[in-house]
């Protein structure tokens, strides 16, 4: 049962402040007797460094920076609090899933790309959708003009989803779909395609993002006010808990929070705060913690500060396990496991000297693996210019395969565990996250913090700070403000032709001509009645609507009529 004690976060901060540290004075002696004389003799200074979270980094870390109970708090892989990994053997037993983000143009284009990646060794599918789909509009809407297929695949009706998965064995792959506002409708389409292809709903595996809270925080792709979106998420949680044991119905996303300009600590804190809200939502609606919580997964960014990213992921596992056990009373260890997908940073990709992005992505991917990710997407070097080409996607996939097969990183579990610096930094990330949890709780919780604009303002301030550091030269970005080349040779990029929109409009026209309009009207009417009754689960009505080939916008517009829209607060 969830704790009713509102001072939980303060108790955790007190525990942190009461830790006893090793203090033998050897670091101070080294600094006085060895470092300072050397600096004086050479005339050099020691720079003061800090990471993206504003944490000051010392010149050297020793056992004095670790608490006396550090080893017991770190624990072993596969054991509470899972700092060193959620499975005992981690990559020694099974490599991470190489789940490359795909989706562009028409469903036919995406189907070909998915098969291409499967052929070259991809072990999980991940689908991106275009802007009209993300906002719940059909391809023939005036707002969709010029955007169809540009930043992902267009899906307007079930027919599109059928084409995407044509010739793909849905029982042998897990599928991740990055969709939020209309996530329930796309999940319904996935269910409908599976049923049409002869699969049982209970056998379908994968993840749908559906993290609407981070949309209000960072990505800004919503359709309705927060409470109504959260009602739909509740319905997904309840339906999938009962019918889809292999389906992760929320992928709580820090990735987009980070891409909006947050620091690593902010990504950690705000993402886990969202996760705790979804735990509260499930409990409030009668779900059993040890049954539904294991179906929540996470999605983190891996950016360029190597050790900061590894520490963030280790801290995330420990915080989640501690809070699920101590605050929420989880009984089963699997409930306390924080499972996550990672994507390398898009924020660090540059259009200047784009081949440098291969190096950046490699470093970020290594950090994700050393941080213990369960699946990984590596960005392509040309993504600052356009959607990735086949060649660039293959290089990105090969990057993961080289890390897996050639580097020795996966030869032992948590190879950096015990590093004085890494363990200190993991502790600091954990501490700063708890400070944010305490502030958010004081505001009335994460939803109220979002409505007040606090989370958005924190991210904006961090983003502004980094931009000013880049512009002033305090922070280096190779090829952008350092080692700049005046003339750049353009690279070959993927271009989405206008035929994507033409073909989608043609298919939509065909679907409308072939479908049973009486069934369409009946499905939408029944959906509207269900939306007006808070106690009705909407998932069966979404499934019925898509099976009758109602369009994405027809379904979404029912919600727009019933629920209305929402504008975020002005940030000052």
Protein backbone atom coordinates (compact mmCIF):
# COMPACT_ATOMS: atom_id res chain seq x y z
CA UNK A 1 0.00 0.00 0.00
CA UNK A 2 1.20 3.51 -0.77
CA UNK A 3 2.60 5.43 2.17
CA UNK A 4 0.49 8.39 3.30
CA UNK A 5 3.54 10.11 4.79
CA UNK A 6 4.17 13.29 2.81
CA UNK A 7 7.64 13.66 4.35
CA UNK A 8 8.97 10.54 2.61
CA UNK A 9 11.32 12.56 0.41
CA UNK A 10 12.68 14.54 3.35
CA UNK A 11 13.37 11.29 5.20
CA UNK A 12 15.38 10.06 2.23
CA UNK A 13 17.33 13.32 2.11
CA UNK A 14 18.02 13.00 5.84
CA UNK A 15 19.32 9.47 5.29
CA UNK A 16 21.69 10.82 2.65
CA UNK A 17 22.92 13.64 4.91
CA UNK A 18 23.58 11.19 7.75
CA UNK A 19 25.92 8.94 5.77
CA UNK A 20 29.30 8.38 7.38
CA UNK A 21 32.30 8.79 5.10
CA UNK A 22 35.85 7.46 5.15
CA UNK A 23 38.10 10.32 6.25
CA UNK A 24 41.74 9.31 6.52
CA UNK A 25 43.12 12.61 5.22
CA UNK A 26 45.16 11.02 2.45
CA UNK A 27 43.50 13.12 -0.27
CA UNK A 28 44.35 16.38 1.52
CA UNK A 29 47.91 15.17 2.06
CA UNK A 30 48.27 14.29 -1.65
CA UNK A 31 46.89 17.67 -2.66
CA UNK A 32 49.26 19.55 -0.34
CA UNK A 33 52.42 17.49 -0.81
CA UNK A 34 52.16 16.32 -4.42
CA UNK A 35 49.64 18.28 -6.49
CA UNK A 36 50.26 21.86 -5.32
CA UNK A 37 54.08 21.71 -5.58
CA UNK A 38 53.78 20.24 -9.07
CA UNK A 39 51.35 22.97 -10.15
CA UNK A 40 53.65 25.65 -8.75
CA UNK A 41 56.71 24.19 -10.46
CA UNK A 42 55.01 23.86 -13.84
CA UNK A 43 53.04 27.11 -13.65
CA UNK A 44 49.82 25.32 -14.42
CA UNK A 45 46.35 25.66 -12.94
CA UNK A 46 43.66 23.07 -12.33
CA UNK A 47 40.44 23.92 -14.20
CA UNK A 48 37.16 23.82 -12.33
CA UNK A 49 34.76 21.50 -14.15
CA UNK A 50 31.07 20.87 -13.82
CA UNK A 51 28.69 18.58 -15.70
CA UNK A 52 25.37 19.33 -17.40
CA UNK A 53 23.61 19.19 -14.03
CA UNK A 54 25.81 21.89 -12.53
CA UNK A 55 27.57 19.38 -10.27
CA UNK A 56 31.15 20.48 -9.54
CA UNK A 57 33.69 17.79 -10.39
CA UNK A 58 36.76 17.40 -8.18
CA UNK A 59 40.26 16.87 -9.52
CA UNK A 60 40.49 13.39 -8.00
CA UNK A 61 38.23 10.88 -6.27
CA UNK A 62 39.34 8.48 -3.54
CA UNK A 63 37.75 6.15 -0.97
CA UNK A 64 37.15 9.30 1.13
CA UNK A 65 34.37 10.26 -1.30
CA UNK A 66 32.45 7.06 -0.61
CA UNK A 67 30.37 6.30 2.46
CA UNK A 68 31.42 3.50 4.77
CA UNK A 69 28.40 1.43 3.76
CA UNK A 70 28.94 2.10 0.04
CA UNK A 71 29.56 -1.51 -0.92
CA UNK A 72 26.36 -2.75 0.70
CA UNK A 73 24.36 0.08 -0.90
CA UNK A 74 25.70 -0.79 -4.33
CA UNK A 75 24.87 -4.45 -3.90
CA UNK A 76 25.13 -7.14 -6.56
CA UNK A 77 23.62 -7.34 -10.05
CA UNK A 78 20.13 -8.80 -9.98
CA UNK A 79 19.70 -7.96 -6.29
CA UNK A 80 18.01 -5.05 -4.55
CA UNK A 81 18.56 -2.12 -5.05
CA UNK A 82 19.75 -3.12 -8.56
CA UNK A 83 22.35 -0.35 -8.87
CA UNK A 84 24.59 -2.71 -10.83
CA UNK A 85 21.90 -4.09 -13.13
CA UNK A 86 18.49 -5.71 -12.99
CA UNK A 87 19.66 -9.19 -14.01
CA UNK A 88 22.42 -11.22 -12.33
CA UNK A 89 24.31 -11.94 -15.55
CA UNK A 90 23.23 -8.93 -17.64
CA UNK A 91 24.89 -9.07 -21.09
CA UNK A 92 26.73 -12.28 -20.28
CA UNK A 93 23.35 -13.99 -20.59
CA UNK A 94 21.75 -11.87 -23.29
CA UNK A 95 22.83 -8.78 -25.17
CA UNK A 96 20.70 -5.67 -25.13
CA UNK A 97 18.01 -5.45 -27.79
CA UNK A 98 19.19 -3.45 -30.80
CA UNK A 99 16.02 -1.50 -31.48
CA UNK A 100 16.62 1.02 -34.25
CA UNK A 101 14.08 3.82 -34.58
CA UNK A 102 12.33 3.52 -37.93
CA UNK A 103 9.39 4.99 -39.73
CA UNK A 104 9.16 7.48 -42.58
CA UNK A 105 7.11 8.28 -45.65
CA UNK A 106 4.39 5.81 -46.51
CA UNK A 107 3.62 2.54 -44.72
CA UNK A 108 5.26 0.76 -47.68
CA UNK A 109 8.49 2.75 -47.12
CA UNK A 110 8.50 1.85 -43.44
CA UNK A 111 7.73 -1.81 -44.13
CA UNK A 112 10.79 -1.98 -46.39
CA UNK A 113 13.00 -0.25 -43.77
CA UNK A 114 11.84 -2.60 -41.01
CA UNK A 115 12.60 -5.66 -43.14
CA UNK A 116 15.98 -4.14 -44.06
CA UNK A 117 16.90 -3.74 -40.40
CA UNK A 118 15.69 -7.23 -39.48
CA UNK A 119 17.84 -8.60 -42.31
CA UNK A 120 20.89 -6.77 -40.94
CA UNK A 121 20.49 -8.08 -37.40
CA UNK A 122 18.01 -5.82 -35.61
CA UNK A 123 16.27 -7.64 -32.77
CA UNK A 124 13.38 -5.29 -32.04
CA UNK A 125 11.26 -2.86 -34.04
CA UNK A 126 10.75 0.78 -33.12
CA UNK A 127 8.37 2.96 -35.10
CA UNK A 128 8.30 6.75 -35.42
CA UNK A 129 5.19 8.56 -36.64
CA UNK A 130 4.80 11.82 -38.54
CA UNK A 131 3.41 15.03 -37.06
CA UNK A 132 -0.18 14.61 -38.29
CA UNK A 133 -0.33 11.16 -36.67
CA UNK A 134 1.24 12.41 -33.43
CA UNK A 135 -1.44 15.09 -33.15
CA UNK A 136 -4.33 12.84 -34.19
CA UNK A 137 -5.04 14.31 -37.64
CA UNK A 138 -5.74 12.52 -40.91
CA UNK A 139 -3.46 12.89 -43.91
CA UNK A 140 -6.08 14.97 -45.76
CA UNK A 141 -6.39 17.58 -43.02
CA UNK A 142 -5.12 21.02 -44.08
CA UNK A 143 -2.77 20.98 -41.08
CA UNK A 144 -1.13 17.83 -42.49
CA UNK A 145 -0.27 19.40 -45.85
CA UNK A 146 3.46 19.14 -46.44
CA UNK A 147 4.04 17.11 -43.26
CA UNK A 148 2.84 13.66 -44.33
CA UNK A 149 5.64 11.12 -43.81
CA UNK A 150 8.27 13.78 -43.12
CA UNK A 151 9.39 12.95 -39.56
CA UNK A 152 7.96 9.44 -39.36
CA UNK A 153 5.42 7.16 -41.00
CA UNK A 154 1.88 8.35 -41.60
CA UNK A 155 -0.92 6.26 -40.13
CA UNK A 156 -4.46 7.41 -40.83
CA UNK A 157 -6.42 4.13 -40.72
CA UNK A 158 -5.96 0.48 -39.81
CA UNK A 159 -5.10 -0.18 -43.47
CA UNK A 160 -1.85 1.73 -42.99
CA UNK A 161 -0.89 -0.37 -39.98
CA UNK A 162 -1.67 -3.53 -41.94
CA UNK A 163 0.80 -2.45 -44.63
CA UNK A 164 3.54 -1.58 -42.10
CA UNK A 165 3.50 -5.13 -40.71
CA UNK A 166 2.93 -6.96 -43.99
CA UNK A 167 5.21 -10.01 -44.14
CA UNK A 168 6.57 -9.48 -40.59
CA UNK A 169 6.06 -12.22 -38.02
CA UNK A 170 4.59 -10.31 -35.08
CA UNK A 171 5.13 -13.31 -32.81
CA UNK A 172 8.92 -13.14 -33.27
CA UNK A 173 9.54 -9.43 -32.78
CA UNK A 174 8.66 -6.93 -30.11
CA UNK A 175 7.50 -3.57 -31.35
CA UNK A 176 7.96 -0.17 -29.76
CA UNK A 177 5.74 2.69 -30.92
CA UNK A 178 6.68 6.27 -30.08
CA UNK A 179 3.24 7.79 -29.88
CA UNK A 180 1.59 9.64 -27.01
CA UNK A 181 -1.60 11.67 -27.43
CA UNK A 182 -3.31 9.06 -29.69
CA UNK A 183 -1.40 6.13 -28.12
CA UNK A 184 -4.57 4.22 -27.23
CA UNK A 185 -5.79 4.38 -30.84
CA UNK A 186 -2.46 3.16 -32.25
CA UNK A 187 -2.40 0.38 -29.65
CA UNK A 188 -5.89 -0.58 -30.78
CA UNK A 189 -4.64 -0.69 -34.38
CA UNK A 190 -1.72 -2.92 -33.37
CA UNK A 191 -4.14 -5.25 -31.59
CA UNK A 192 -6.44 -5.29 -34.63
CA UNK A 193 -3.58 -6.10 -37.02
CA UNK A 194 -2.41 -8.89 -34.73
CA UNK A 195 -5.90 -10.40 -34.61
CA UNK A 196 -6.29 -10.15 -38.39
CA UNK A 197 -2.97 -11.95 -38.84
CA UNK A 198 -4.01 -14.78 -36.54
CA UNK A 199 -2.13 -13.87 -33.36
CA UNK A 200 -3.65 -13.93 -29.90
CA UNK A 201 -3.75 -10.54 -28.20
CA UNK A 202 -2.00 -12.06 -25.20
CA UNK A 203 0.98 -13.02 -27.38
CA UNK A 204 1.67 -9.54 -28.74
CA UNK A 205 4.79 -8.04 -27.19
CA UNK A 206 6.26 -4.58 -27.19
CA UNK A 207 5.82 -1.08 -25.84
CA UNK A 208 3.76 1.99 -26.55
CA UNK A 209 5.12 5.24 -25.17
CA UNK A 210 1.83 6.82 -24.01
CA UNK A 211 3.66 9.12 -21.57
CA UNK A 212 1.38 12.13 -21.77
CA UNK A 213 2.93 13.92 -18.78
CA UNK A 214 6.21 14.45 -20.62
CA UNK A 215 4.23 15.88 -23.54
CA UNK A 216 3.04 18.70 -21.31
CA UNK A 217 6.59 19.04 -19.96
CA UNK A 218 8.64 18.88 -23.14
CA UNK A 219 7.31 17.69 -26.49
CA UNK A 220 4.00 19.61 -26.55
CA UNK A 221 2.00 17.06 -28.53
CA UNK A 222 -1.35 16.69 -26.77
CA UNK A 223 -4.99 16.74 -27.81
CA UNK A 224 -6.97 17.12 -24.58
CA UNK A 225 -6.58 18.53 -21.06
CA UNK A 226 -4.27 16.46 -18.83
CA UNK A 227 -6.98 14.82 -16.72
CA UNK A 228 -8.73 13.38 -19.78
CA UNK A 229 -5.54 12.03 -21.31
CA UNK A 230 -4.72 10.45 -17.95
CA UNK A 231 -8.17 8.81 -17.90
CA UNK A 232 -7.33 7.18 -21.26
CA UNK A 233 -3.98 6.02 -19.91
CA UNK A 234 -5.82 4.54 -16.94
CA UNK A 235 -8.03 2.62 -19.33
CA UNK A 236 -4.99 1.34 -21.24
CA UNK A 237 -3.34 0.23 -18.02
CA UNK A 238 -6.42 -1.66 -16.88
CA UNK A 239 -7.11 -3.25 -20.28
CA UNK A 240 -3.53 -4.28 -20.99
CA UNK A 241 -2.97 -5.58 -17.46
CA UNK A 242 -5.84 -7.99 -17.98
CA UNK A 243 -5.35 -8.87 -21.66
CA UNK A 244 -1.76 -8.21 -22.78
CA UNK A 245 0.80 -9.56 -20.30
CA UNK A 246 3.70 -9.01 -22.74
CA UNK A 247 2.77 -5.42 -23.56
CA UNK A 248 4.36 -2.44 -21.78
CA UNK A 249 1.60 0.15 -21.90
CA UNK A 250 3.68 3.12 -20.83
CA UNK A 251 7.28 3.93 -21.69
CA UNK A 252 7.99 6.78 -19.32
CA UNK A 253 10.18 9.05 -21.35
CA UNK A 254 13.07 11.14 -20.13
CA UNK A 255 14.44 11.27 -23.65
CA UNK A 256 12.26 14.15 -24.79
CA UNK A 257 12.75 15.99 -21.51
CA UNK A 258 16.48 15.89 -22.17
CA UNK A 259 16.07 16.87 -25.83
CA UNK A 260 14.09 19.91 -24.66
CA UNK A 261 17.25 21.10 -22.89
CA UNK A 262 17.17 19.60 -19.41
CA UNK A 263 20.21 18.47 -17.48
CA UNK A 264 20.86 14.82 -16.68
CA UNK A 265 19.61 15.29 -13.10
CA UNK A 266 16.44 16.98 -14.33
CA UNK A 267 15.85 14.17 -16.80
CA UNK A 268 16.33 11.65 -13.98
CA UNK A 269 14.11 13.45 -11.48
CA UNK A 270 11.25 14.53 -13.75
CA UNK A 271 11.07 11.15 -15.49
CA UNK A 272 10.89 9.20 -12.24
CA UNK A 273 8.38 11.72 -10.83
CA UNK A 274 6.18 10.96 -13.85
CA UNK A 275 6.64 7.27 -13.14
CA UNK A 276 5.53 7.66 -9.53
CA UNK A 277 2.43 9.49 -10.76
CA UNK A 278 1.50 6.55 -13.01
CA UNK A 279 2.01 4.22 -10.02
CA UNK A 280 -0.43 6.38 -8.04
CA UNK A 281 -2.85 6.33 -10.98
CA UNK A 282 -2.84 2.54 -11.15
CA UNK A 283 -3.30 2.14 -7.40
CA UNK A 284 -6.11 4.69 -7.35
CA UNK A 285 -7.97 2.60 -9.92
CA UNK A 286 -7.71 -0.69 -8.08
CA UNK A 287 -4.74 -2.30 -9.83
CA UNK A 288 -2.42 -4.49 -7.81
CA UNK A 289 1.04 -2.91 -7.54
CA UNK A 290 2.92 -6.17 -8.04
CA UNK A 291 0.84 -6.97 -11.11
CA UNK A 292 0.80 -3.69 -13.05
CA UNK A 293 4.04 -1.92 -12.06
CA UNK A 294 6.32 -4.42 -13.87
CA UNK A 295 4.63 -3.41 -17.15
CA UNK A 296 5.91 0.16 -16.79
CA UNK A 297 9.13 0.73 -18.70
CA UNK A 298 11.37 3.76 -19.15
CA UNK A 299 13.10 5.56 -22.00
CA UNK A 300 16.28 7.51 -21.27
CA UNK A 301 18.60 9.73 -23.26
CA UNK A 302 22.31 8.98 -23.42
CA UNK A 303 24.17 12.20 -24.03
CA UNK A 304 27.82 13.04 -24.48
CA UNK A 305 29.04 13.39 -20.85
CA UNK A 306 30.13 9.79 -20.50
CA UNK A 307 30.26 9.24 -16.75
CA UNK A 308 27.27 11.46 -16.00
CA UNK A 309 25.07 9.29 -18.20
CA UNK A 310 26.27 6.03 -16.64
CA UNK A 311 25.74 7.44 -13.14
CA UNK A 312 22.25 8.65 -14.09
CA UNK A 313 21.14 5.19 -15.18
CA UNK A 314 22.58 3.50 -12.09
CA UNK A 315 20.94 6.10 -9.83
CA UNK A 316 17.61 5.64 -11.63
CA UNK A 317 17.56 1.92 -10.86
CA UNK A 318 18.41 2.45 -7.21
CA UNK A 319 15.86 5.23 -6.69
CA UNK A 320 13.06 3.30 -8.39
CA UNK A 321 13.77 0.16 -6.34
CA UNK A 322 14.01 2.07 -3.05
CA UNK A 323 10.83 4.07 -3.61
CA UNK A 324 8.77 1.14 -4.89
CA UNK A 325 9.78 -0.88 -1.84
CA UNK A 326 9.81 1.73 0.90
CA UNK A 327 7.06 4.13 -0.19
CA UNK A 328 4.71 1.86 -2.12
CA UNK A 329 5.31 -1.44 -0.33
CA UNK A 330 6.23 -3.60 -3.33
CA UNK A 331 6.57 -7.25 -2.33
CA UNK A 332 8.01 -8.79 -5.49
CA UNK A 333 11.48 -7.96 -6.73
CA UNK A 334 10.32 -7.77 -10.34
CA UNK A 335 8.09 -4.86 -9.31
CA UNK A 336 11.19 -2.95 -8.22
CA UNK A 337 13.08 -3.49 -11.48
CA UNK A 338 13.52 -0.38 -13.59
CA UNK A 339 13.73 -1.60 -17.18
CA UNK A 340 14.63 0.98 -19.80
CA UNK A 341 15.33 1.65 -23.44
CA UNK A 342 17.99 4.18 -24.37
CA UNK A 343 18.49 6.39 -27.40
CA UNK A 344 21.64 8.34 -28.10
CA UNK A 345 21.23 12.09 -28.08
CA UNK A 346 19.77 14.01 -30.99
CA UNK A 347 20.64 17.24 -29.19
CA UNK A 348 24.37 16.59 -29.65
CA UNK A 349 24.15 15.86 -33.38
CA UNK A 350 25.45 18.69 -35.55
CA UNK A 351 24.84 19.55 -39.19
CA UNK A 352 28.38 20.92 -39.25
CA UNK A 353 30.94 18.19 -39.96
CA UNK A 354 28.25 15.49 -39.72
CA UNK A 355 30.68 12.57 -39.80
CA UNK A 356 31.75 13.64 -36.29
CA UNK A 357 28.32 12.45 -35.19
CA UNK A 358 29.44 8.83 -35.63
CA UNK A 359 32.00 9.38 -32.87
CA UNK A 360 29.50 11.14 -30.61
CA UNK A 361 26.94 8.39 -31.06
CA UNK A 362 29.53 5.70 -30.35
CA UNK A 363 30.52 7.32 -27.04
CA UNK A 364 26.88 7.77 -26.05
CA UNK A 365 26.05 4.17 -26.97
CA UNK A 366 28.94 2.89 -24.87
CA UNK A 367 27.66 4.91 -21.91
CA UNK A 368 24.19 3.37 -22.34
CA UNK A 369 25.62 -0.15 -22.35
CA UNK A 370 27.86 0.53 -19.36
CA UNK A 371 24.79 2.03 -17.67
CA UNK A 372 22.93 -1.27 -18.11
CA UNK A 373 20.27 -0.49 -20.71
CA UNK A 374 17.86 -3.23 -21.87
CA UNK A 375 17.57 -1.94 -25.43
CA UNK A 376 19.31 0.72 -27.47
CA UNK A 377 18.77 2.92 -30.49
CA UNK A 378 21.81 4.62 -32.01
CA UNK A 379 21.18 7.80 -33.97
CA UNK A 380 22.43 8.13 -37.53
CA UNK A 381 25.11 10.65 -38.45
CA UNK A 382 22.86 12.46 -40.94
CA UNK A 383 19.89 13.12 -38.64
CA UNK A 384 20.78 16.78 -38.10
CA UNK A 385 20.06 17.14 -41.82
CA UNK A 386 17.11 14.82 -42.43
CA UNK A 387 15.60 11.45 -41.64
CA UNK A 388 18.38 8.84 -41.86
CA UNK A 389 19.40 7.21 -45.11
CA UNK A 390 19.84 3.43 -45.43
CA UNK A 391 23.63 3.82 -45.33
CA UNK A 392 23.57 5.96 -42.18
CA UNK A 393 21.14 3.60 -40.43
CA UNK A 394 23.42 0.65 -41.17
CA UNK A 395 26.43 2.49 -39.73
CA UNK A 396 24.39 3.25 -36.60
CA UNK A 397 23.39 -0.40 -36.23
CA UNK A 398 26.96 -1.57 -36.88
CA UNK A 399 28.08 0.78 -34.08
CA UNK A 400 26.05 -1.26 -31.61
CA UNK A 401 27.25 -4.54 -33.07
CA UNK A 402 30.91 -3.48 -32.78
CA UNK A 403 30.39 -2.47 -29.15
CA UNK A 404 28.72 -5.82 -28.52
CA UNK A 405 31.15 -8.05 -30.39
CA UNK A 406 34.56 -6.36 -30.31
CA UNK A 407 35.11 -4.07 -27.32
CA UNK A 408 34.92 -6.45 -24.36
CA UNK A 409 32.50 -4.09 -22.60
CA UNK A 410 29.99 -6.91 -22.27
CA UNK A 411 32.50 -9.44 -20.96
CA UNK A 412 31.64 -8.76 -17.31
CA UNK A 413 28.72 -7.26 -15.40
CA UNK A 414 28.95 -3.55 -14.48
CA UNK A 415 32.67 -3.20 -15.33
CA UNK A 416 32.88 0.35 -13.92
CA UNK A 417 31.21 -0.55 -10.62
CA UNK A 418 33.39 0.50 -7.70
CA UNK A 419 35.01 3.41 -9.51
CA UNK A 420 35.47 6.12 -6.87
CA UNK A 421 34.29 8.81 -9.28
CA UNK A 422 31.37 6.86 -10.71
CA UNK A 423 30.02 5.78 -7.32
CA UNK A 424 30.36 9.32 -5.94
CA UNK A 425 28.58 10.73 -8.98
CA UNK A 426 25.81 8.12 -8.76
CA UNK A 427 25.23 9.19 -5.14
CA UNK A 428 25.14 12.87 -6.10
CA UNK A 429 22.68 12.28 -8.93
CA UNK A 430 20.49 10.35 -6.52
CA UNK A 431 20.64 13.13 -3.92
CA UNK A 432 19.77 15.88 -6.40
CA UNK A 433 16.84 13.85 -7.72
CA UNK A 434 15.43 13.51 -4.20
CA UNK A 435 15.68 17.29 -3.79
CA UNK A 436 13.52 17.71 -6.87
CA UNK A 437 11.01 15.11 -5.61
CA UNK A 438 10.71 17.09 -2.36
CA UNK A 439 10.06 20.37 -4.22
CA UNK A 440 7.52 18.73 -6.54
CA UNK A 441 5.70 17.17 -3.58
CA UNK A 442 5.50 20.59 -1.91
CA UNK A 443 3.72 21.93 -5.01
CA UNK A 444 1.07 19.22 -4.84
CA UNK A 445 2.69 16.65 -7.12
CA UNK A 446 4.01 16.46 -10.65
CA UNK A 447 0.72 17.32 -12.35
CA UNK A 448 0.36 20.53 -10.36
CA UNK A 449 4.04 21.35 -10.96
CA UNK A 450 3.40 21.03 -14.70
CA UNK A 451 0.24 23.14 -14.58
CA UNK A 452 2.13 25.85 -12.71
CA UNK A 453 4.89 25.77 -15.29
CA UNK A 454 7.60 24.92 -12.73
CA UNK A 455 9.03 21.92 -14.60
CA UNK A 456 9.02 23.75 -17.92
CA UNK A 457 10.73 26.77 -16.37
CA UNK A 458 13.48 24.64 -14.84
CA UNK A 459 14.24 23.05 -18.19
CA UNK A 460 14.15 26.38 -20.04
CA UNK A 461 16.64 27.88 -17.57
CA UNK A 462 19.03 24.96 -18.02
CA UNK A 463 18.74 25.10 -21.81
CA UNK A 464 19.41 28.85 -21.82
CA UNK A 465 22.43 28.38 -19.56
CA UNK A 466 23.97 25.81 -21.89
CA UNK A 467 23.31 27.91 -24.98
CA UNK A 468 25.04 30.92 -23.45
CA UNK A 469 28.00 28.73 -22.49
CA UNK A 470 28.26 27.48 -26.08
CA UNK A 471 28.01 30.98 -27.51
CA UNK A 472 30.63 32.32 -25.10
CA UNK A 473 32.98 29.41 -25.77
CA UNK A 474 32.90 28.22 -22.13
CA UNK A 475 31.63 24.90 -23.46
CA UNK A 476 33.16 23.36 -26.57
CA UNK A 477 31.32 21.66 -29.40
CA UNK A 478 33.71 20.39 -32.03
CA UNK A 479 32.89 21.70 -35.49
CA UNK A 480 30.44 24.27 -34.09
CA UNK A 481 32.45 26.65 -31.91
CA UNK A 482 35.84 24.91 -32.00
CA UNK A 483 37.84 23.42 -34.89
CA UNK A 484 35.38 25.07 -37.25
CA UNK A 485 35.71 24.62 -41.00
CA UNK A 486 34.51 27.37 -43.28
CA UNK A 487 33.41 25.15 -46.15
CA UNK A 488 31.28 22.05 -45.62
CA UNK A 489 30.71 19.37 -48.20
CA UNK A 490 27.02 18.43 -48.19
CA UNK A 491 26.19 14.78 -47.56
CA UNK A 492 23.71 12.61 -49.38
CA UNK A 493 20.46 12.66 -47.41
CA UNK A 494 17.10 10.94 -47.50
CA UNK A 495 14.40 13.09 -49.07
CA UNK A 496 10.72 12.34 -48.62
CA UNK A 497 8.99 12.95 -51.93
CA UNK A 498 5.55 14.43 -52.36
CA UNK A 499 4.36 11.00 -53.47
CA UNK A 500 4.12 10.03 -49.78
CA UNK A 501 1.26 12.46 -49.30
CA UNK A 502 -0.27 11.61 -52.68
CA UNK A 503 -0.23 7.89 -51.96
CA UNK A 504 -1.67 8.32 -48.48
CA UNK A 505 -4.50 10.49 -49.79
CA UNK A 506 -5.27 7.85 -52.43
CA UNK A 507 -5.35 5.02 -49.86
CA UNK A 508 -7.57 7.04 -47.50
CA UNK A 509 -10.00 7.68 -50.35
CA UNK A 510 -10.09 3.94 -51.11
CA UNK A 511 -10.71 3.02 -47.47
CA UNK A 512 -13.58 5.48 -47.21
CA UNK A 513 -15.13 4.08 -50.38
CA UNK A 514 -14.86 0.46 -49.16
CA UNK A 515 -15.79 0.71 -45.48
CA UNK A 516 -19.26 0.28 -44.00
CA UNK A 517 -20.39 3.80 -43.11
CA UNK A 518 -23.18 2.55 -40.84
CA UNK A 519 -20.60 0.69 -38.75
CA UNK A 520 -18.36 3.77 -38.73
CA UNK A 521 -21.16 6.01 -37.41
CA UNK A 522 -22.23 3.42 -34.87
CA UNK A 523 -18.65 2.93 -33.60
CA UNK A 524 -18.07 6.66 -33.20
CA UNK A 525 -21.41 7.15 -31.47
CA UNK A 526 -20.70 4.34 -29.02
CA UNK A 527 -17.22 5.78 -28.39
CA UNK A 528 -18.68 9.20 -27.64
CA UNK A 529 -21.15 7.74 -25.14
CA UNK A 530 -18.31 5.84 -23.48
CA UNK A 531 -16.14 8.97 -23.27
CA UNK A 532 -18.93 10.76 -21.42
CA UNK A 533 -18.99 8.04 -18.76
CA UNK A 534 -15.88 8.20 -16.57
CA UNK A 535 -16.47 4.65 -15.34
CA UNK A 536 -16.32 3.02 -18.79
CA UNK A 537 -13.06 1.61 -20.15
CA UNK A 538 -12.47 3.10 -23.59
CA UNK A 539 -10.09 0.49 -25.03
CA UNK A 540 -12.77 -1.90 -26.40
CA UNK A 541 -14.43 1.08 -28.11
CA UNK A 542 -11.14 2.19 -29.69
CA UNK A 543 -10.57 -1.36 -30.96
CA UNK A 544 -14.09 -1.56 -32.40
CA UNK A 545 -13.66 1.82 -34.12
CA UNK A 546 -10.34 0.99 -35.80
CA UNK A 547 -11.59 -2.46 -36.88
CA UNK A 548 -14.42 -0.67 -38.68
CA UNK A 549 -11.79 1.57 -40.35
CA UNK A 550 -12.69 4.78 -38.59
CA UNK A 551 -9.85 7.21 -39.22
CA UNK A 552 -7.45 8.43 -36.58
CA UNK A 553 -8.90 11.94 -36.73
CA UNK A 554 -12.51 10.76 -36.63
CA UNK A 555 -11.71 8.96 -33.39
CA UNK A 556 -9.61 11.82 -32.00
CA UNK A 557 -12.25 14.41 -32.88
CA UNK A 558 -14.79 12.59 -30.72
CA UNK A 559 -12.48 13.30 -27.79
CA UNK A 560 -11.99 16.90 -28.88
CA UNK A 561 -15.76 17.40 -28.77
CA UNK A 562 -16.19 15.68 -25.42
CA UNK A 563 -13.05 16.76 -23.58
CA UNK A 564 -12.06 20.06 -25.22
CA UNK A 565 -8.50 21.36 -25.60
CA UNK A 566 -5.77 22.71 -23.33
CA UNK A 567 -3.24 25.56 -23.32
CA UNK A 568 -0.16 25.46 -21.16
CA UNK A 569 0.63 28.23 -18.66
CA UNK A 570 2.72 31.21 -19.65
CA UNK A 571 6.22 30.85 -18.23
CA UNK A 572 7.66 34.06 -16.82
